[in-house]
Amino acid sequence: MSHTTPPTPLNIPIRDYLDQTKYVTEELINLLNKVETDWANIYHKVGVIPMYQNNARVYSQFAQMLRTDGQPEESFDYVSRAAEHAQTAGTYQQQVQATQAYYNNALLIKNSPLESIAQALLQIGKQGISSRYGKSKKNCSQALSDARRIMPTISTANVSLLDVIWAGRNQSIHFEDKSFNQPTVDCFKELLKDTGKLFQDLKGYDNGENKAMEIVRILGWTDYSKYENDLMSLSI
């Protein structure tokens, strides 16, 4: 006997949907913030380890020169500095290795766990809208228009909150194909007109890069209350 997943019922009020999915959504956001913190930490340390290693070498060489010149006290000071920088480099290396082992090195790949978690968050948000209005973005737009509800816009670009949620979710699902429907392309092109770093980080969306995390940052969905308020702004 085959088993099929029952379809998600329509016309679920967004408030009810938020209540039903609050736990998993908050857990996703908490995980997203943890992974992002770990990601930033590991990239910072990977970047500065060579500097500390180089400093240690330079101080050691200078200490050797001072000893040769008969200045042992001054030499000792630079030996101490060399040891401090070498110790910092070693500590950072251990911390980086521990973080890499925890994530099985996945943090260092281009489409990292950040993007996968962000994609899941975008999917939940989009599903909340679909469960209320139907699978088509047009249905949602029409319902809000009929209710004379004006959708918030994102940045200075001519795109609505609904556009960004929908296009961001679609891009993150199909990024490997490098082929998207026209509304998704149009939305990303509009967002890229904004010169701010958050928006310019969307470059590469059409070249095999998952931009789910970048969209989540633009939406501000690293905070549950912002996610909740955005979905409620699309509720009638």
C-alpha atoms as a PDB file:
ATOM      1  CA  MET A   1       0.000   0.000   0.000  1.00  0.00           C
ATOM      2  CA  SER A   2       1.441   3.358  -0.979  1.00  0.00           C
ATOM      3  CA  HIS A   3       1.420   6.273   1.403  1.00  0.00           C
ATOM      4  CA  THR A   4       1.197   9.850   0.253  1.00  0.00           C
ATOM      5  CA  THR A   5       1.621  13.016   2.245  1.00  0.00           C
ATOM      6  CA  PRO A   6      -1.711  14.831   2.555  1.00  0.00           C
ATOM      7  CA  PRO A   7      -1.729  18.247   0.931  1.00  0.00           C
ATOM      8  CA  THR A   8      -1.403  21.281   3.155  1.00  0.00           C
ATOM      9  CA  PRO A   9      -4.888  22.753   3.675  1.00  0.00           C
ATOM     10  CA  LEU A  10      -5.480  26.258   2.383  1.00  0.00           C
ATOM     11  CA  ASN A  11      -6.921  29.296   4.095  1.00  0.00           C
ATOM     12  CA  ILE A  12      -4.961  28.776   7.300  1.00  0.00           C
ATOM     13  CA  PRO A  13      -4.784  32.195   8.941  1.00  0.00           C
ATOM     14  CA  ILE A  14      -1.190  33.348   9.039  1.00  0.00           C
ATOM     15  CA  ARG A  15      -1.482  33.972  12.786  1.00  0.00           C
ATOM     16  CA  ASP A  16      -2.429  30.319  13.285  1.00  0.00           C
ATOM     17  CA  TYR A  17       0.370  29.183  10.997  1.00  0.00           C
ATOM     18  CA  LEU A  18       2.894  31.225  12.960  1.00  0.00           C
ATOM     19  CA  ASP A  19       1.699  29.717  16.228  1.00  0.00           C
ATOM     20  CA  GLN A  20       1.880  26.192  14.819  1.00  0.00           C
ATOM     21  CA  THR A  21       5.396  26.624  13.437  1.00  0.00           C
ATOM     22  CA  LYS A  22       6.889  28.951  16.065  1.00  0.00           C
ATOM     23  CA  TYR A  23       9.033  26.333  17.805  1.00  0.00           C
ATOM     24  CA  VAL A  24      10.731  24.991  14.680  1.00  0.00           C
ATOM     25  CA  THR A  25      11.152  28.491  13.231  1.00  0.00           C
ATOM     26  CA  GLU A  26      12.765  29.837  16.390  1.00  0.00           C
ATOM     27  CA  GLU A  27      15.057  26.811  16.517  1.00  0.00           C
ATOM     28  CA  LEU A  28      16.096  27.414  12.904  1.00  0.00           C
ATOM     29  CA  ILE A  29      16.835  31.070  13.599  1.00  0.00           C
ATOM     30  CA  ASN A  30      18.826  30.205  16.736  1.00  0.00           C
ATOM     31  CA  LEU A  31      20.810  27.638  14.774  1.00  0.00           C
ATOM     32  CA  LEU A  32      21.328  30.111  11.948  1.00  0.00           C
ATOM     33  CA  ASN A  33      22.730  32.690  14.342  1.00  0.00           C
ATOM     34  CA  LYS A  34      25.038  30.126  15.953  1.00  0.00           C
ATOM     35  CA  VAL A  35      26.374  28.920  12.616  1.00  0.00           C
ATOM     36  CA  GLU A  36      26.851  32.481  11.399  1.00  0.00           C
ATOM     37  CA  THR A  37      28.789  33.372  14.547  1.00  0.00           C
ATOM     38  CA  ASP A  38      30.979  30.283  14.156  1.00  0.00           C
ATOM     39  CA  TRP A  39      31.461  31.076  10.471  1.00  0.00           C
ATOM     40  CA  ALA A  40      32.556  34.657  11.171  1.00  0.00           C
ATOM     41  CA  ASN A  41      34.847  33.485  13.962  1.00  0.00           C
ATOM     42  CA  ILE A  42      36.589  30.822  11.900  1.00  0.00           C
ATOM     43  CA  TYR A  43      37.074  33.115   8.904  1.00  0.00           C
ATOM     44  CA  HIS A  44      38.550  35.830  11.092  1.00  0.00           C
ATOM     45  CA  LYS A  45      41.002  33.425  12.695  1.00  0.00           C
ATOM     46  CA  VAL A  46      41.956  31.789   9.400  1.00  0.00           C
ATOM     47  CA  GLY A  47      42.709  35.277   8.113  1.00  0.00           C
ATOM     48  CA  VAL A  48      44.890  36.451  11.016  1.00  0.00           C
ATOM     49  CA  ILE A  49      46.846  33.247  11.762  1.00  0.00           C
ATOM     50  CA  PRO A  50      49.451  33.988   9.019  1.00  0.00           C
ATOM     51  CA  MET A  51      49.925  37.483  10.466  1.00  0.00           C
ATOM     52  CA  TYR A  52      50.704  36.134  13.944  1.00  0.00           C
ATOM     53  CA  GLN A  53      52.998  33.483  12.487  1.00  0.00           C
ATOM     54  CA  ASN A  54      54.868  36.093  10.479  1.00  0.00           C
ATOM     55  CA  ASN A  55      55.144  38.414  13.480  1.00  0.00           C
ATOM     56  CA  ALA A  56      56.602  35.571  15.523  1.00  0.00           C
ATOM     57  CA  ARG A  57      59.258  34.952  12.852  1.00  0.00           C
ATOM     58  CA  VAL A  58      60.141  38.644  12.558  1.00  0.00           C
ATOM     59  CA  TYR A  59      60.444  39.094  16.331  1.00  0.00           C
ATOM     60  CA  SER A  60      62.584  35.965  16.592  1.00  0.00           C
ATOM     61  CA  GLN A  61      64.913  37.180  13.847  1.00  0.00           C
ATOM     62  CA  PHE A  62      65.193  40.618  15.442  1.00  0.00           C
ATOM     63  CA  ALA A  63      65.924  39.032  18.816  1.00  0.00           C
ATOM     64  CA  GLN A  64      68.723  37.028  17.229  1.00  0.00           C
ATOM     65  CA  MET A  65      70.187  40.217  15.744  1.00  0.00           C
ATOM     66  CA  LEU A  66      70.129  41.929  19.146  1.00  0.00           C
ATOM     67  CA  ARG A  67      71.841  38.987  20.805  1.00  0.00           C
ATOM     68  CA  THR A  68      74.532  39.063  18.131  1.00  0.00           C
ATOM     69  CA  ASP A  69      75.005  42.778  18.775  1.00  0.00           C
ATOM     70  CA  GLY A  70      75.445  42.099  22.494  1.00  0.00           C
ATOM     71  CA  GLN A  71      72.058  43.383  23.657  1.00  0.00           C
ATOM     72  CA  PRO A  72      70.642  40.386  25.590  1.00  0.00           C
ATOM     73  CA  GLU A  73      68.062  42.359  27.608  1.00  0.00           C
ATOM     74  CA  GLU A  74      66.523  43.931  24.530  1.00  0.00           C
ATOM     75  CA  SER A  75      66.697  40.568  22.800  1.00  0.00           C
ATOM     76  CA  PHE A  76      64.707  38.917  25.586  1.00  0.00           C
ATOM     77  CA  ASP A  77      61.865  41.405  25.094  1.00  0.00           C
ATOM     78  CA  TYR A  78      61.512  40.398  21.432  1.00  0.00           C
ATOM     79  CA  VAL A  79      61.803  36.710  22.287  1.00  0.00           C
ATOM     80  CA  SER A  80      58.806  37.195  24.604  1.00  0.00           C
ATOM     81  CA  ARG A  81      56.857  38.953  21.869  1.00  0.00           C
ATOM     82  CA  ALA A  82      57.691  36.177  19.421  1.00  0.00           C
ATOM     83  CA  ALA A  83      56.456  33.573  21.905  1.00  0.00           C
ATOM     84  CA  GLU A  84      53.201  35.469  22.494  1.00  0.00           C
ATOM     85  CA  HIS A  85      52.422  35.718  18.785  1.00  0.00           C
ATOM     86  CA  ALA A  86      53.367  32.091  18.163  1.00  0.00           C
ATOM     87  CA  GLN A  87      51.112  31.016  21.026  1.00  0.00           C
ATOM     88  CA  THR A  88      48.206  33.068  19.668  1.00  0.00           C
ATOM     89  CA  ALA A  89      48.673  31.528  16.208  1.00  0.00           C
ATOM     90  CA  GLY A  90      48.734  28.053  17.715  1.00  0.00           C
ATOM     91  CA  THR A  91      45.638  28.676  19.849  1.00  0.00           C
ATOM     92  CA  TYR A  92      43.738  30.022  16.845  1.00  0.00           C
ATOM     93  CA  GLN A  93      44.783  27.025  14.765  1.00  0.00           C
ATOM     94  CA  GLN A  94      43.447  24.649  17.416  1.00  0.00           C
ATOM     95  CA  GLN A  95      40.159  26.551  17.601  1.00  0.00           C
ATOM     96  CA  VAL A  96      39.785  26.571  13.810  1.00  0.00           C
ATOM     97  CA  GLN A  97      40.490  22.843  13.634  1.00  0.00           C
ATOM     98  CA  ALA A  98      37.939  22.150  16.380  1.00  0.00           C
ATOM     99  CA  THR A  99      35.266  24.200  14.593  1.00  0.00           C
ATOM    100  CA  GLN A 100      36.063  22.561  11.260  1.00  0.00           C
ATOM    101  CA  ALA A 101      35.805  19.119  12.857  1.00  0.00           C
ATOM    102  CA  TYR A 102      32.445  20.014  14.447  1.00  0.00           C
ATOM    103  CA  TYR A 103      31.013  21.027  11.084  1.00  0.00           C
ATOM    104  CA  ASN A 104      32.997  18.406   9.156  1.00  0.00           C
ATOM    105  CA  ASN A 105      34.742  21.248   7.273  1.00  0.00           C
ATOM    106  CA  ALA A 106      31.392  22.257   5.745  1.00  0.00           C
ATOM    107  CA  LEU A 107      31.691  25.866   6.911  1.00  0.00           C
ATOM    108  CA  LEU A 108      34.499  26.441   4.442  1.00  0.00           C
ATOM    109  CA  ILE A 109      32.597  25.434   1.310  1.00  0.00           C
ATOM    110  CA  LYS A 110      30.896  28.002  -0.891  1.00  0.00           C
ATOM    111  CA  ASN A 111      27.307  26.894  -0.290  1.00  0.00           C
ATOM    112  CA  SER A 112      27.723  26.233   3.413  1.00  0.00           C
ATOM    113  CA  PRO A 113      25.255  25.090   6.120  1.00  0.00           C
ATOM    114  CA  LEU A 114      24.279  28.738   6.519  1.00  0.00           C
ATOM    115  CA  GLU A 115      22.591  28.641   3.123  1.00  0.00           C
ATOM    116  CA  SER A 116      20.820  25.340   3.814  1.00  0.00           C
ATOM    117  CA  ILE A 117      19.383  26.556   7.115  1.00  0.00           C
ATOM    118  CA  ALA A 118      18.398  29.894   5.582  1.00  0.00           C
ATOM    119  CA  GLN A 119      16.699  28.048   2.719  1.00  0.00           C
ATOM    120  CA  ALA A 120      14.608  26.087   5.228  1.00  0.00           C
ATOM    121  CA  LEU A 121      13.589  29.342   6.908  1.00  0.00           C
ATOM    122  CA  LEU A 122      12.574  30.908   3.598  1.00  0.00           C
ATOM    123  CA  GLN A 123      10.591  27.768   2.778  1.00  0.00           C
ATOM    124  CA  ILE A 124       8.663  27.973   6.057  1.00  0.00           C
ATOM    125  CA  GLY A 125       7.902  31.636   5.458  1.00  0.00           C
ATOM    126  CA  LYS A 126       6.771  31.049   1.900  1.00  0.00           C
ATOM    127  CA  GLN A 127       4.682  28.051   3.002  1.00  0.00           C
ATOM    128  CA  GLY A 128       2.844  30.215   5.512  1.00  0.00           C
ATOM    129  CA  ILE A 129       1.804  32.559   2.713  1.00  0.00           C
ATOM    130  CA  SER A 130       0.884  29.676   0.386  1.00  0.00           C
ATOM    131  CA  SER A 131      -1.180  28.006   3.094  1.00  0.00           C
ATOM    132  CA  ARG A 132      -3.254  31.160   3.367  1.00  0.00           C
ATOM    133  CA  TYR A 133      -3.628  32.203  -0.253  1.00  0.00           C
ATOM    134  CA  GLY A 134      -2.593  29.332  -2.518  1.00  0.00           C
ATOM    135  CA  LYS A 135       0.548  28.221  -4.337  1.00  0.00           C
ATOM    136  CA  SER A 136       0.680  31.153  -6.715  1.00  0.00           C
ATOM    137  CA  LYS A 137       2.249  34.458  -5.709  1.00  0.00           C
ATOM    138  CA  LYS A 138      -0.350  36.058  -7.940  1.00  0.00           C
ATOM    139  CA  ASN A 139      -3.094  34.739  -5.664  1.00  0.00           C
ATOM    140  CA  CYS A 140      -1.492  36.393  -2.657  1.00  0.00           C
ATOM    141  CA  SER A 141      -0.925  39.666  -4.484  1.00  0.00           C
ATOM    142  CA  GLN A 142      -4.518  39.680  -5.656  1.00  0.00           C
ATOM    143  CA  ALA A 143      -5.908  38.919  -2.197  1.00  0.00           C
ATOM    144  CA  LEU A 144      -3.894  41.703  -0.609  1.00  0.00           C
ATOM    145  CA  SER A 145      -4.810  44.084  -3.402  1.00  0.00           C
ATOM    146  CA  ASP A 146      -8.508  43.262  -2.996  1.00  0.00           C
ATOM    147  CA  ALA A 147      -8.152  44.000   0.710  1.00  0.00           C
ATOM    148  CA  ARG A 148      -6.374  47.254  -0.189  1.00  0.00           C
ATOM    149  CA  ARG A 149      -3.358  46.099   1.796  1.00  0.00           C
ATOM    150  CA  ILE A 150      -0.145  47.746   0.624  1.00  0.00           C
ATOM    151  CA  MET A 151       2.812  45.404   0.859  1.00  0.00           C
ATOM    152  CA  PRO A 152       6.044  46.763   2.374  1.00  0.00           C
ATOM    153  CA  THR A 153       8.881  47.359  -0.064  1.00  0.00           C
ATOM    154  CA  ILE A 154      12.492  46.320   0.387  1.00  0.00           C
ATOM    155  CA  SER A 155      15.196  49.000   0.334  1.00  0.00           C
ATOM    156  CA  THR A 156      14.996  51.517  -2.486  1.00  0.00           C
ATOM    157  CA  ALA A 157      14.346  48.787  -5.021  1.00  0.00           C
ATOM    158  CA  ASN A 158      10.969  48.438  -6.639  1.00  0.00           C
ATOM    159  CA  VAL A 159      10.289  45.070  -5.022  1.00  0.00           C
ATOM    160  CA  SER A 160       7.796  44.089  -2.368  1.00  0.00           C
ATOM    161  CA  LEU A 161       8.298  41.945   0.696  1.00  0.00           C
ATOM    162  CA  LEU A 162       6.334  39.224  -1.053  1.00  0.00           C
ATOM    163  CA  ASP A 163       8.625  39.443  -4.108  1.00  0.00           C
ATOM    164  CA  VAL A 164      11.734  38.955  -1.995  1.00  0.00           C
ATOM    165  CA  ILE A 165      10.374  36.018   0.023  1.00  0.00           C
ATOM    166  CA  TRP A 166       9.184  34.262  -3.118  1.00  0.00           C
ATOM    167  CA  ALA A 167      12.229  34.970  -5.275  1.00  0.00           C
ATOM    168  CA  GLY A 168      14.678  34.233  -2.451  1.00  0.00           C
ATOM    169  CA  ARG A 169      13.111  30.867  -1.794  1.00  0.00           C
ATOM    170  CA  ASN A 170      13.012  29.992  -5.495  1.00  0.00           C
ATOM    171  CA  GLN A 171      16.634  30.998  -6.077  1.00  0.00           C
ATOM    172  CA  SER A 172      17.844  28.934  -3.141  1.00  0.00           C
ATOM    173  CA  ILE A 173      16.047  25.846  -4.433  1.00  0.00           C
ATOM    174  CA  HIS A 174      17.181  26.170  -8.053  1.00  0.00           C
ATOM    175  CA  PHE A 175      20.611  27.797  -7.658  1.00  0.00           C
ATOM    176  CA  GLU A 176      22.445  24.756  -9.020  1.00  0.00           C
ATOM    177  CA  ASP A 177      20.446  24.900 -12.248  1.00  0.00           C
ATOM    178  CA  LYS A 178      21.521  28.526 -12.850  1.00  0.00           C
ATOM    179  CA  SER A 179      18.126  28.980 -14.468  1.00  0.00           C
ATOM    180  CA  PHE A 180      15.230  30.825 -12.849  1.00  0.00           C
ATOM    181  CA  ASN A 181      11.794  32.054 -13.784  1.00  0.00           C
ATOM    182  CA  GLN A 182      11.577  35.657 -14.904  1.00  0.00           C
ATOM    183  CA  PRO A 183      10.046  37.066 -11.689  1.00  0.00           C
ATOM    184  CA  THR A 184      12.986  35.689  -9.698  1.00  0.00           C
ATOM    185  CA  VAL A 185      15.500  37.215 -12.125  1.00  0.00           C
ATOM    186  CA  ASP A 186      13.656  40.543 -12.107  1.00  0.00           C
ATOM    187  CA  CYS A 187      13.585  40.629  -8.307  1.00  0.00           C
ATOM    188  CA  PHE A 188      17.296  39.944  -7.929  1.00  0.00           C
ATOM    189  CA  LYS A 189      18.174  42.514 -10.588  1.00  0.00           C
ATOM    190  CA  GLU A 190      16.126  45.125  -8.744  1.00  0.00           C
ATOM    191  CA  LEU A 191      17.743  44.282  -5.406  1.00  0.00           C
ATOM    192  CA  LEU A 192      21.202  44.559  -6.970  1.00  0.00           C
ATOM    193  CA  LYS A 193      20.445  48.154  -7.928  1.00  0.00           C
ATOM    194  CA  ASP A 194      20.941  48.970  -4.257  1.00  0.00           C
ATOM    195  CA  THR A 195      24.650  49.685  -3.711  1.00  0.00           C
ATOM    196  CA  GLY A 196      24.622  48.602  -0.066  1.00  0.00           C
ATOM    197  CA  LYS A 197      26.802  45.629   0.858  1.00  0.00           C
ATOM    198  CA  LEU A 198      23.832  43.466   1.906  1.00  0.00           C
ATOM    199  CA  PHE A 199      22.437  43.776  -1.602  1.00  0.00           C
ATOM    200  CA  GLN A 200      25.717  43.570  -3.500  1.00  0.00           C
ATOM    201  CA  ASP A 201      26.359  40.246  -1.741  1.00  0.00           C
ATOM    202  CA  LEU A 202      23.622  38.851  -4.007  1.00  0.00           C
ATOM    203  CA  LYS A 203      26.060  38.881  -6.921  1.00  0.00           C
ATOM    204  CA  GLY A 204      26.578  35.332  -8.133  1.00  0.00           C
ATOM    205  CA  TYR A 205      22.930  34.368  -7.666  1.00  0.00           C
ATOM    206  CA  ASP A 206      22.866  33.301 -11.332  1.00  0.00           C
ATOM    207  CA  ASN A 207      26.222  31.528 -11.220  1.00  0.00           C
ATOM    208  CA  GLY A 208      25.655  28.529  -8.980  1.00  0.00           C
ATOM    209  CA  GLU A 209      25.642  30.271  -5.601  1.00  0.00           C
ATOM    210  CA  ASN A 210      22.869  29.750  -3.078  1.00  0.00           C
ATOM    211  CA  LYS A 211      21.857  33.198  -1.797  1.00  0.00           C
ATOM    212  CA  ALA A 212      19.363  32.133   0.867  1.00  0.00           C
ATOM    213  CA  MET A 213      21.428  33.554   3.729  1.00  0.00           C
ATOM    214  CA  GLU A 214      21.921  36.845   1.933  1.00  0.00           C
ATOM    215  CA  ILE A 215      18.146  37.125   1.452  1.00  0.00           C
ATOM    216  CA  VAL A 216      17.541  36.289   5.123  1.00  0.00           C
ATOM    217  CA  ARG A 217      19.957  39.063   6.112  1.00  0.00           C
ATOM    218  CA  ILE A 218      18.185  41.529   3.820  1.00  0.00           C
ATOM    219  CA  LEU A 219      14.839  40.543   5.345  1.00  0.00           C
ATOM    220  CA  GLY A 220      16.268  40.740   8.848  1.00  0.00           C
ATOM    221  CA  TRP A 221      14.998  37.258   9.650  1.00  0.00           C
ATOM    222  CA  THR A 222      17.849  36.514  12.042  1.00  0.00           C
ATOM    223  CA  ASP A 223      15.376  37.873  14.604  1.00  0.00           C
ATOM    224  CA  TYR A 224      12.132  35.938  15.104  1.00  0.00           C
ATOM    225  CA  SER A 225      10.083  39.063  15.840  1.00  0.00           C
ATOM    226  CA  LYS A 226      11.070  40.537  12.446  1.00  0.00           C
ATOM    227  CA  TYR A 227      10.072  37.310  10.705  1.00  0.00           C
ATOM    228  CA  GLU A 228       6.765  37.253  12.588  1.00  0.00           C
ATOM    229  CA  ASN A 229       5.994  40.908  11.852  1.00  0.00           C
ATOM    230  CA  ASP A 230       6.757  40.446   8.155  1.00  0.00           C
ATOM    231  CA  LEU A 231       4.407  37.506   7.796  1.00  0.00           C
ATOM    232  CA  MET A 232       1.701  39.282   9.769  1.00  0.00           C
ATOM    233  CA  SER A 233       2.053  42.249   7.405  1.00  0.00           C
ATOM    234  CA  LEU A 234       0.890  39.835   4.688  1.00  0.00           C
ATOM    235  CA  SER A 235      -2.067  38.615   6.724  1.00  0.00           C
ATOM    236  CA  ILE A 236      -5.671  39.480   6.012  1.00  0.00           C
END
